[in-house]
């Protein structure tokens, strides 16, 4: 079913999610593996970011991932830089509730987004960026069918060291092929 799996449901992000997003955005452990510029944000900055970047963009769609059993919001998953002409977009996922890490919720939510992207939006290509030290995410993306397309060498400075940002992409026909094999 669209936007719903056995354990996860996606719903559109709304202004009412700003406080929750603010909590995740200011959790250094959550943002360590996904946000290139760690910082502590005041609530007003988060409100502005949500209004302008997340909700105010015509080239983005953001969804709150809900764990269905308890109706608990556990993360955010987004499409950004949607290019309708060339049928491309970039995706981002953050599991903000750490007790849900490593239990397959990200994988379920990500599959829901990819099904929507390829089967409903009819996009041709989805890309993402991942930090080279984020082995868990790289493993997930490869499992979902993403292929490494390149590196931005030593473009992330984290905890006194330089890391690459890995660029990955997935084409619609490859995704369909993988879904048939896994059916």
Protein backbone atom coordinates (compact mmCIF):
# COMPACT_ATOMS: atom_id res chain seq x y z
CA UNK A 1 0.00 0.00 0.00
CA UNK A 2 1.25 3.47 -0.86
CA UNK A 3 2.93 5.25 2.09
CA UNK A 4 2.42 2.28 4.42
CA UNK A 5 4.27 -0.95 5.22
CA UNK A 6 3.79 -3.49 7.99
CA UNK A 7 5.44 -1.29 10.64
CA UNK A 8 5.82 2.19 9.12
CA UNK A 9 3.51 4.83 7.71
CA UNK A 10 4.61 8.05 6.01
CA UNK A 11 2.60 11.22 6.41
CA UNK A 12 3.27 14.69 5.08
CA UNK A 13 5.25 16.89 7.40
CA UNK A 14 3.26 19.86 8.77
CA UNK A 15 4.03 22.98 10.83
CA UNK A 16 2.87 21.02 13.88
CA UNK A 17 5.96 18.80 13.49
CA UNK A 18 8.34 21.74 14.00
CA UNK A 19 8.93 21.12 17.73
CA UNK A 20 9.70 17.45 17.12
CA UNK A 21 11.98 18.26 14.18
CA UNK A 22 13.72 20.86 16.35
CA UNK A 23 14.51 18.14 18.91
CA UNK A 24 16.01 15.87 16.24
CA UNK A 25 17.87 18.75 14.54
CA UNK A 26 19.58 19.64 17.83
CA UNK A 27 20.53 16.08 18.75
CA UNK A 28 24.20 15.81 17.79
CA UNK A 29 24.07 12.01 17.82
CA UNK A 30 21.20 12.04 15.30
CA UNK A 31 22.77 14.68 13.04
CA UNK A 32 26.36 13.39 13.27
CA UNK A 33 25.93 11.00 10.34
CA UNK A 34 23.70 13.12 8.11
CA UNK A 35 24.19 16.86 8.60
CA UNK A 36 27.37 18.39 7.16
CA UNK A 37 27.31 21.34 9.56
CA UNK A 38 26.65 20.42 13.17
CA UNK A 39 25.27 23.25 15.22
CA UNK A 40 22.72 24.07 17.90
CA UNK A 41 19.72 25.86 16.44
CA UNK A 42 17.36 28.19 18.28
CA UNK A 43 13.67 27.41 17.84
CA UNK A 44 13.14 30.46 15.61
CA UNK A 45 15.83 29.23 13.18
CA UNK A 46 14.17 25.82 13.04
CA UNK A 47 10.76 27.42 12.42
CA UNK A 48 12.22 29.47 9.59
CA UNK A 49 13.97 26.39 8.11
CA UNK A 50 10.78 24.30 8.27
CA UNK A 51 8.64 27.10 6.76
CA UNK A 52 11.01 28.06 3.96
CA UNK A 53 13.06 24.97 3.12
CA UNK A 54 10.93 21.98 4.10
CA UNK A 55 7.35 23.19 3.66
CA UNK A 56 7.88 26.23 1.44
CA UNK A 57 9.77 24.60 -1.42
CA UNK A 58 8.08 23.58 -4.65
CA UNK A 59 10.97 21.20 -5.33
CA UNK A 60 10.78 19.23 -2.08
CA UNK A 61 8.46 16.77 -0.31
CA UNK A 62 8.97 15.75 3.31
CA UNK A 63 7.31 12.98 5.27
CA UNK A 64 7.31 12.04 8.93
CA UNK A 65 7.91 8.33 9.45
CA UNK A 66 5.41 6.91 11.93
CA UNK A 67 5.91 3.61 13.75
CA UNK A 68 2.39 2.21 13.35
CA UNK A 69 2.02 0.07 16.48
CA UNK A 70 2.44 3.04 18.86
CA UNK A 71 1.73 5.85 16.34
CA UNK A 72 5.16 7.24 17.26
CA UNK A 73 6.95 9.69 14.94
CA UNK A 74 10.43 8.23 14.52
CA UNK A 75 12.07 10.20 11.70
CA UNK A 76 11.87 12.30 8.59
CA UNK A 77 12.39 11.30 4.99
CA UNK A 78 12.52 13.84 2.18
CA UNK A 79 12.85 14.33 -1.53
CA UNK A 80 14.73 17.51 -2.37
CA UNK A 81 15.84 19.20 -5.57
CA UNK A 82 12.98 17.53 -7.46
CA UNK A 83 13.51 18.17 -11.16
CA UNK A 84 10.24 17.25 -12.87
CA UNK A 85 11.56 17.91 -16.39
CA UNK A 86 14.51 15.54 -16.09
CA UNK A 87 12.70 13.25 -13.61
CA UNK A 88 15.41 13.40 -10.93
CA UNK A 89 15.43 14.03 -7.18
CA UNK A 90 17.70 13.67 -4.18
CA UNK A 91 16.60 11.92 -0.99
CA UNK A 92 17.47 12.34 2.67
CA UNK A 93 16.51 10.21 5.67
CA UNK A 94 16.99 10.80 9.39
CA UNK A 95 15.75 8.47 12.09
CA UNK A 96 15.43 10.93 14.96
CA UNK A 97 14.35 8.46 17.64
CA UNK A 98 17.51 6.51 18.46
CA UNK A 99 15.72 3.49 19.98
CA UNK A 100 14.53 2.73 16.42
CA UNK A 101 18.04 2.67 14.96
CA UNK A 102 19.30 -0.62 13.51
CA UNK A 103 15.88 -2.30 13.54
CA UNK A 104 14.91 -1.98 9.88
CA UNK A 105 12.58 1.01 10.20
CA UNK A 106 14.77 3.17 7.98
CA UNK A 107 14.81 0.46 5.34
CA UNK A 108 11.00 0.17 5.42
CA UNK A 109 10.48 3.92 5.25
CA UNK A 110 13.03 4.26 2.47
CA UNK A 111 11.33 1.55 0.41
CA UNK A 112 7.99 3.36 0.79
CA UNK A 113 9.58 6.55 -0.52
CA UNK A 114 11.27 4.76 -3.43
CA UNK A 115 8.02 2.99 -4.39
CA UNK A 116 6.30 6.38 -4.47
CA UNK A 117 9.15 7.99 -6.42
CA UNK A 118 9.37 5.32 -9.10
CA UNK A 119 5.85 3.86 -9.33
CA UNK A 120 3.79 7.04 -8.79
CA UNK A 121 5.96 10.08 -9.57
CA UNK A 122 7.60 8.19 -12.44
CA UNK A 123 11.02 9.67 -11.69
CA UNK A 124 13.92 8.26 -13.66
CA UNK A 125 16.69 8.72 -11.09
CA UNK A 126 17.11 9.29 -7.38
CA UNK A 127 20.40 10.30 -5.81
CA UNK A 128 21.76 10.78 -2.32
CA UNK A 129 24.91 11.76 -0.48
CA UNK A 130 26.35 9.77 2.40
CA UNK A 131 29.38 10.37 4.61
CA UNK A 132 32.13 7.80 4.05
CA UNK A 133 32.18 6.83 7.76
CA UNK A 134 28.44 5.98 7.77
CA UNK A 135 28.81 2.25 7.06
CA UNK A 136 25.30 1.39 8.24
CA UNK A 137 23.69 3.83 5.77
CA UNK A 138 25.98 2.78 2.90
CA UNK A 139 24.99 -0.85 3.49
CA UNK A 140 21.29 0.10 3.46
CA UNK A 141 21.59 2.14 0.27
CA UNK A 142 23.43 -0.64 -1.56
CA UNK A 143 20.79 -3.13 -0.40
CA UNK A 144 18.11 -0.80 -1.84
CA UNK A 145 19.92 -0.84 -5.21
CA UNK A 146 21.90 2.40 -5.09
CA UNK A 147 25.28 2.42 -6.81
CA UNK A 148 28.26 4.57 -5.98
CA UNK A 149 28.63 7.28 -8.62
CA UNK A 150 31.52 9.24 -7.20
CA UNK A 151 33.18 10.96 -4.26
CA UNK A 152 33.70 14.47 -3.09
CA UNK A 153 37.10 13.78 -1.60
CA UNK A 154 37.81 15.04 1.91
CA UNK A 155 34.91 17.49 1.79
CA UNK A 156 33.56 16.83 5.29
CA UNK A 157 35.50 17.79 8.41
CA UNK A 158 34.20 15.90 11.44
CA UNK A 159 35.89 15.43 14.82
CA UNK A 160 39.26 16.63 13.57
CA UNK A 161 39.42 14.41 10.45
CA UNK A 162 38.57 14.74 6.78
CA UNK A 163 36.02 12.39 5.21
CA UNK A 164 34.69 11.87 1.71
CA UNK A 165 31.08 12.44 0.78
CA UNK A 166 29.96 9.54 -1.39
CA UNK A 167 27.44 10.20 -4.17
CA UNK A 168 25.06 7.36 -4.96
CA UNK A 169 22.23 6.97 -7.44
CA UNK A 170 19.44 4.60 -8.37
CA UNK A 171 17.70 4.38 -11.74
CA UNK A 172 14.03 3.51 -12.11
CA UNK A 173 14.58 0.43 -14.32
CA UNK A 174 17.19 -0.96 -11.88
CA UNK A 175 14.76 -0.46 -9.01
CA UNK A 176 11.98 -2.27 -10.90
CA UNK A 177 14.40 -5.09 -11.71
CA UNK A 178 15.39 -5.45 -8.06
CA UNK A 179 11.72 -5.46 -6.94
CA UNK A 180 10.90 -8.30 -9.39
CA UNK A 181 13.86 -10.33 -8.11
CA UNK A 182 12.81 -9.81 -4.49
CA UNK A 183 9.10 -10.57 -5.10
